[in-house]
C-alpha atoms as a PDB file:
ATOM      1  CA  UNK A   1     -18.863 -19.145  29.479  1.00  0.00           C
ATOM      2  CA  UNK A   2     -17.437 -22.335  28.119  1.00  0.00           C
ATOM      3  CA  UNK A   3     -20.372 -24.089  28.098  1.00  0.00           C
ATOM      4  CA  UNK A   4     -21.921 -22.089  25.791  1.00  0.00           C
ATOM      5  CA  UNK A   5     -18.773 -22.216  23.309  1.00  0.00           C
ATOM      6  CA  UNK A   6     -18.786 -25.538  23.520  1.00  0.00           C
ATOM      7  CA  UNK A   7     -22.471 -26.462  22.296  1.00  0.00           C
ATOM      8  CA  UNK A   8     -21.861 -24.319  19.368  1.00  0.00           C
ATOM      9  CA  UNK A   9     -19.198 -26.110  18.719  1.00  0.00           C
ATOM     10  CA  UNK A  10     -21.014 -29.131  18.797  1.00  0.00           C
ATOM     11  CA  UNK A  11     -23.762 -28.342  16.998  1.00  0.00           C
ATOM     12  CA  UNK A  12     -21.048 -26.454  14.155  1.00  0.00           C
ATOM     13  CA  UNK A  13     -19.824 -29.527  13.811  1.00  0.00           C
ATOM     14  CA  UNK A  14     -22.775 -31.576  13.328  1.00  0.00           C
ATOM     15  CA  UNK A  15     -23.606 -29.351  10.635  1.00  0.00           C
ATOM     16  CA  UNK A  16     -20.262 -29.667   8.873  1.00  0.00           C
ATOM     17  CA  UNK A  17     -20.550 -33.375   9.165  1.00  0.00           C
ATOM     18  CA  UNK A  18     -24.075 -32.733   7.082  1.00  0.00           C
ATOM     19  CA  UNK A  19     -22.488 -30.615   4.737  1.00  0.00           C
ATOM     20  CA  UNK A  20     -19.360 -33.393   4.297  1.00  0.00           C
ATOM     21  CA  UNK A  21     -21.047 -35.912   3.679  1.00  0.00           C
ATOM     22  CA  UNK A  22     -23.344 -34.153   1.312  1.00  0.00           C
ATOM     23  CA  UNK A  23     -20.490 -32.821  -0.939  1.00  0.00           C
ATOM     24  CA  UNK A  24     -18.535 -35.897  -0.510  1.00  0.00           C
ATOM     25  CA  UNK A  25     -21.321 -37.725  -2.121  1.00  0.00           C
ATOM     26  CA  UNK A  26     -22.048 -34.746  -4.898  1.00  0.00           C
ATOM     27  CA  UNK A  27     -18.271 -35.350  -5.572  1.00  0.00           C
ATOM     28  CA  UNK A  28     -18.312 -38.953  -6.313  1.00  0.00           C
ATOM     29  CA  UNK A  29     -21.226 -39.078  -8.388  1.00  0.00           C
ATOM     30  CA  UNK A  30     -19.938 -36.213 -10.349  1.00  0.00           C
ATOM     31  CA  UNK A  31     -16.444 -38.213 -10.619  1.00  0.00           C
ATOM     32  CA  UNK A  32     -18.400 -41.473 -11.540  1.00  0.00           C
ATOM     33  CA  UNK A  33     -20.637 -39.485 -14.336  1.00  0.00           C
ATOM     34  CA  UNK A  34     -17.097 -38.144 -15.983  1.00  0.00           C
ATOM     35  CA  UNK A  35     -16.164 -41.679 -16.317  1.00  0.00           C
ATOM     36  CA  UNK A  36     -19.451 -42.699 -17.629  1.00  0.00           C
ATOM     37  CA  UNK A  37     -19.131 -40.219 -20.442  1.00  0.00           C
ATOM     38  CA  UNK A  38     -15.440 -40.675 -21.059  1.00  0.00           C
ATOM     39  CA  UNK A  39     -16.141 -44.051 -21.905  1.00  0.00           C
ATOM     40  CA  UNK A  40     -19.407 -43.814 -23.825  1.00  0.00           C
ATOM     41  CA  UNK A  41     -18.213 -41.020 -26.166  1.00  0.00           C
ATOM     42  CA  UNK A  42     -14.894 -42.863 -26.789  1.00  0.00           C
ATOM     43  CA  UNK A  43     -15.545 -44.639 -30.092  1.00  0.00           C
ATOM     44  CA  UNK A  44     -12.583 -47.114 -30.143  1.00  0.00           C
ATOM     45  CA  UNK A  45     -14.509 -48.552 -27.288  1.00  0.00           C
ATOM     46  CA  UNK A  46     -17.798 -49.415 -28.770  1.00  0.00           C
ATOM     47  CA  UNK A  47     -17.474 -52.711 -29.388  1.00  0.00           C
ATOM     48  CA  UNK A  48     -15.562 -53.446 -25.520  1.00  0.00           C
ATOM     49  CA  UNK A  49     -17.684 -55.577 -23.058  1.00  0.00           C
ATOM     50  CA  UNK A  50     -19.986 -54.528 -20.132  1.00  0.00           C
ATOM     51  CA  UNK A  51     -16.707 -55.790 -17.521  1.00  0.00           C
ATOM     52  CA  UNK A  52     -14.048 -53.768 -19.457  1.00  0.00           C
ATOM     53  CA  UNK A  53     -16.133 -50.882 -18.673  1.00  0.00           C
ATOM     54  CA  UNK A  54     -17.377 -51.457 -15.485  1.00  0.00           C
ATOM     55  CA  UNK A  55     -13.308 -52.027 -14.362  1.00  0.00           C
ATOM     56  CA  UNK A  56     -12.230 -48.431 -16.009  1.00  0.00           C
ATOM     57  CA  UNK A  57     -15.277 -46.739 -13.950  1.00  0.00           C
ATOM     58  CA  UNK A  58     -13.898 -48.940 -10.660  1.00  0.00           C
ATOM     59  CA  UNK A  59      -9.957 -48.196 -11.125  1.00  0.00           C
ATOM     60  CA  UNK A  60     -10.894 -44.051 -12.394  1.00  0.00           C
ATOM     61  CA  UNK A  61     -12.769 -44.621  -8.755  1.00  0.00           C
ATOM     62  CA  UNK A  62     -10.076 -46.011  -6.685  1.00  0.00           C
ATOM     63  CA  UNK A  63      -7.816 -43.280  -8.624  1.00  0.00           C
ATOM     64  CA  UNK A  64     -10.152 -40.530  -7.174  1.00  0.00           C
ATOM     65  CA  UNK A  65     -10.417 -41.514  -3.455  1.00  0.00           C
ATOM     66  CA  UNK A  66      -6.503 -41.516  -3.592  1.00  0.00           C
ATOM     67  CA  UNK A  67      -6.286 -37.656  -5.469  1.00  0.00           C
ATOM     68  CA  UNK A  68      -6.303 -33.806  -4.051  1.00  0.00           C
ATOM     69  CA  UNK A  69     -10.171 -33.579  -4.541  1.00  0.00           C
ATOM     70  CA  UNK A  70     -11.275 -35.833  -2.166  1.00  0.00           C
ATOM     71  CA  UNK A  71      -8.384 -34.572   0.472  1.00  0.00           C
ATOM     72  CA  UNK A  72      -9.526 -31.359  -0.004  1.00  0.00           C
ATOM     73  CA  UNK A  73     -13.172 -32.209   1.108  1.00  0.00           C
ATOM     74  CA  UNK A  74     -11.551 -31.942   4.773  1.00  0.00           C
ATOM     75  CA  UNK A  75     -11.167 -27.973   4.213  1.00  0.00           C
ATOM     76  CA  UNK A  76     -14.572 -28.241   5.414  1.00  0.00           C
ATOM     77  CA  UNK A  77     -13.917 -28.940   8.738  1.00  0.00           C
ATOM     78  CA  UNK A  78     -10.630 -26.966   8.689  1.00  0.00           C
ATOM     79  CA  UNK A  79     -11.674 -23.620   7.455  1.00  0.00           C
ATOM     80  CA  UNK A  80     -14.549 -23.022   9.989  1.00  0.00           C
ATOM     81  CA  UNK A  81     -12.670 -24.760  13.024  1.00  0.00           C
ATOM     82  CA  UNK A  82      -9.923 -22.258  12.313  1.00  0.00           C
ATOM     83  CA  UNK A  83     -12.403 -18.948  11.880  1.00  0.00           C
ATOM     84  CA  UNK A  84     -14.365 -20.256  15.380  1.00  0.00           C
ATOM     85  CA  UNK A  85     -11.004 -20.225  17.026  1.00  0.00           C
ATOM     86  CA  UNK A  86      -9.850 -16.920  15.744  1.00  0.00           C
ATOM     87  CA  UNK A  87     -13.446 -15.988  16.467  1.00  0.00           C
ATOM     88  CA  UNK A  88     -12.870 -17.173  20.128  1.00  0.00           C
ATOM     89  CA  UNK A  89      -9.751 -15.663  20.532  1.00  0.00           C
ATOM     90  CA  UNK A  90     -10.215 -11.869  19.260  1.00  0.00           C
ATOM     91  CA  UNK A  91     -13.712 -11.745  21.363  1.00  0.00           C
ATOM     92  CA  UNK A  92     -12.023 -12.868  24.820  1.00  0.00           C
ATOM     93  CA  UNK A  93      -8.552 -12.108  25.160  1.00  0.00           C
ATOM     94  CA  UNK A  94      -7.698  -9.183  22.699  1.00  0.00           C
END
């Protein structure tokens, strides 16, 4: 009985890992695009160099890596795990 639950959990975490990485890549690309548009849309930066643009984007991405949105991606693992454990509990011991 427990072996079946472990197999299901293993498959669940494989799927969650794929979902996490796809969401993380998408989220990073959206943030980078937003930073690029912010730089390109500012008329005061028209005569700035490419190195300044790259530094602005890399600084914004470093800030993103430490931010709340990046940490909220862990909910992709946490919420289904809580649901899985609650399901096991209510099916077997209630």
